[in-house]
Amino acid sequence: MWFRALVRRLLRHGDFASAADLEAQLAAFIATCNRLHAHPYRWTYTGDPLAA
């Protein structure tokens, strides 16, 4: 899911002047995601077989 967000929010419509610009924008995207959206994942699957 994180890679989907990366593509949709940064890469799809990004305009990068150079590889260094891409790297800087990618680092900023990662920092923002870590600061605002990072949280532990809560597993809900108990391991019981799923009903077919």
N, C-alpha and C. Protein backbone atom coordinates (compact mmCIF):
# COMPACT_ATOMS: atom_id res chain seq x y z
N MET A 1 0.81 -1.19 0.00
CA MET A 1 0.00 0.00 0.00
C MET A 1 0.86 1.26 0.00
N TRP A 2 2.03 1.17 0.65
CA TRP A 2 2.90 2.35 0.70
C TRP A 2 3.41 2.70 -0.70
N PHE A 3 3.76 1.69 -1.46
CA PHE A 3 4.25 1.94 -2.82
C PHE A 3 3.14 2.52 -3.70
N ARG A 4 1.92 2.09 -3.49
CA ARG A 4 0.78 2.67 -4.23
C ARG A 4 0.66 4.16 -3.92
N ALA A 5 0.78 4.52 -2.64
CA ALA A 5 0.71 5.93 -2.27
C ALA A 5 1.87 6.71 -2.87
N LEU A 6 3.05 6.12 -2.88
CA LEU A 6 4.22 6.77 -3.47
C LEU A 6 3.98 7.07 -4.94
N VAL A 7 3.46 6.11 -5.67
CA VAL A 7 3.21 6.31 -7.10
C VAL A 7 2.14 7.37 -7.32
N ARG A 8 1.03 7.27 -6.59
CA ARG A 8 -0.08 8.19 -6.80
C ARG A 8 0.25 9.62 -6.38
N ARG A 9 0.94 9.78 -5.27
CA ARG A 9 1.16 11.12 -4.72
C ARG A 9 2.43 11.80 -5.21
N LEU A 10 3.41 11.03 -5.66
CA LEU A 10 4.69 11.64 -6.03
C LEU A 10 5.09 11.33 -7.47
N LEU A 11 5.14 10.07 -7.81
CA LEU A 11 5.75 9.69 -9.08
C LEU A 11 4.89 9.92 -10.31
N ARG A 12 3.59 9.69 -10.20
CA ARG A 12 2.72 9.74 -11.37
C ARG A 12 2.73 11.11 -12.04
N HIS A 13 2.63 12.16 -11.28
CA HIS A 13 2.56 13.50 -11.86
C HIS A 13 3.78 14.35 -11.49
N GLY A 14 4.83 13.69 -11.02
CA GLY A 14 6.03 14.41 -10.61
C GLY A 14 6.78 14.99 -11.78
N ASP A 15 7.41 16.11 -11.53
CA ASP A 15 8.25 16.76 -12.53
C ASP A 15 9.62 16.91 -11.90
N PHE A 16 10.57 16.13 -12.35
CA PHE A 16 11.89 16.08 -11.73
C PHE A 16 12.94 16.62 -12.70
N ALA A 17 13.66 17.64 -12.27
CA ALA A 17 14.66 18.27 -13.12
C ALA A 17 15.91 17.40 -13.26
N SER A 18 16.16 16.57 -12.26
CA SER A 18 17.36 15.73 -12.30
C SER A 18 17.17 14.56 -11.35
N ALA A 19 18.12 13.65 -11.35
CA ALA A 19 18.08 12.53 -10.42
C ALA A 19 18.20 13.02 -8.99
N ALA A 20 18.97 14.06 -8.79
CA ALA A 20 19.12 14.63 -7.44
C ALA A 20 17.80 15.24 -6.96
N ASP A 21 17.06 15.86 -7.88
CA ASP A 21 15.75 16.42 -7.53
C ASP A 21 14.77 15.31 -7.16
N LEU A 22 14.76 14.23 -7.91
CA LEU A 22 13.92 13.08 -7.59
C LEU A 22 14.29 12.54 -6.21
N GLU A 23 15.56 12.40 -5.96
CA GLU A 23 16.02 11.89 -4.67
C GLU A 23 15.58 12.80 -3.52
N ALA A 24 15.68 14.10 -3.71
CA ALA A 24 15.28 15.05 -2.67
C ALA A 24 13.77 14.98 -2.41
N GLN A 25 12.98 14.91 -3.48
CA GLN A 25 11.53 14.83 -3.32
C GLN A 25 11.11 13.50 -2.70
N LEU A 26 11.81 12.44 -3.05
CA LEU A 26 11.52 11.13 -2.46
C LEU A 26 11.84 11.14 -0.96
N ALA A 27 12.97 11.72 -0.59
CA ALA A 27 13.34 11.82 0.83
C ALA A 27 12.32 12.65 1.60
N ALA A 28 11.84 13.74 1.01
CA ALA A 28 10.83 14.57 1.65
C ALA A 28 9.52 13.80 1.80
N PHE A 29 9.13 13.04 0.78
CA PHE A 29 7.91 12.23 0.84
C PHE A 29 8.00 11.21 1.96
N ILE A 30 9.13 10.54 2.06
CA ILE A 30 9.32 9.52 3.11
C ILE A 30 9.28 10.17 4.48
N ALA A 31 9.92 11.30 4.65
CA ALA A 31 9.92 11.99 5.94
C ALA A 31 8.51 12.40 6.34
N THR A 32 7.74 12.91 5.37
CA THR A 32 6.37 13.31 5.65
C THR A 32 5.51 12.11 6.03
N CYS A 33 5.65 11.03 5.29
CA CYS A 33 4.89 9.81 5.60
C CYS A 33 5.24 9.29 6.99
N ASN A 34 6.50 9.27 7.31
CA ASN A 34 6.93 8.79 8.62
C ASN A 34 6.40 9.68 9.74
N ARG A 35 6.39 10.98 9.51
CA ARG A 35 5.96 11.93 10.54
C ARG A 35 4.45 11.92 10.73
N LEU A 36 3.69 11.84 9.64
CA LEU A 36 2.25 12.02 9.72
C LEU A 36 1.42 10.74 9.66
N HIS A 37 1.91 9.73 8.95
CA HIS A 37 1.06 8.58 8.67
C HIS A 37 1.57 7.25 9.20
N ALA A 38 2.76 7.19 9.72
CA ALA A 38 3.31 5.90 10.16
C ALA A 38 2.68 5.48 11.49
N HIS A 39 2.24 4.24 11.53
CA HIS A 39 1.70 3.67 12.76
C HIS A 39 1.81 2.15 12.67
N PRO A 40 1.85 1.50 13.82
CA PRO A 40 1.92 0.04 13.79
C PRO A 40 0.65 -0.55 13.17
N TYR A 41 0.82 -1.63 12.46
CA TYR A 41 -0.31 -2.31 11.84
C TYR A 41 -0.95 -3.24 12.85
N ARG A 42 -2.26 -3.17 12.99
CA ARG A 42 -2.98 -4.05 13.91
C ARG A 42 -3.53 -5.23 13.12
N TRP A 43 -2.97 -6.41 13.40
CA TRP A 43 -3.42 -7.62 12.73
C TRP A 43 -4.75 -8.04 13.32
N THR A 44 -5.70 -8.40 12.48
CA THR A 44 -7.00 -8.85 12.94
C THR A 44 -7.24 -10.33 12.65
N TYR A 45 -6.41 -10.93 11.82
CA TYR A 45 -6.57 -12.34 11.50
C TYR A 45 -6.11 -13.19 12.67
N THR A 46 -6.95 -14.10 13.11
CA THR A 46 -6.64 -14.93 14.30
C THR A 46 -5.91 -16.21 13.96
N GLY A 47 -5.84 -16.57 12.71
CA GLY A 47 -5.20 -17.81 12.32
C GLY A 47 -6.19 -18.93 12.10
N ASP A 48 -7.46 -18.69 12.42
CA ASP A 48 -8.48 -19.70 12.20
C ASP A 48 -8.73 -19.84 10.70
N PRO A 49 -9.05 -21.04 10.25
CA PRO A 49 -9.35 -21.23 8.82
C PRO A 49 -10.54 -20.36 8.40
N LEU A 50 -10.46 -19.83 7.20
CA LEU A 50 -11.55 -19.02 6.68
C LEU A 50 -12.65 -19.94 6.17
N ALA A 51 -13.90 -19.53 6.35
CA ALA A 51 -15.03 -20.32 5.88
C ALA A 51 -15.09 -20.24 4.37
N ALA A 52 -15.32 -21.36 3.73
CA ALA A 52 -15.36 -21.39 2.27
C ALA A 52 -16.76 -21.27 1.74
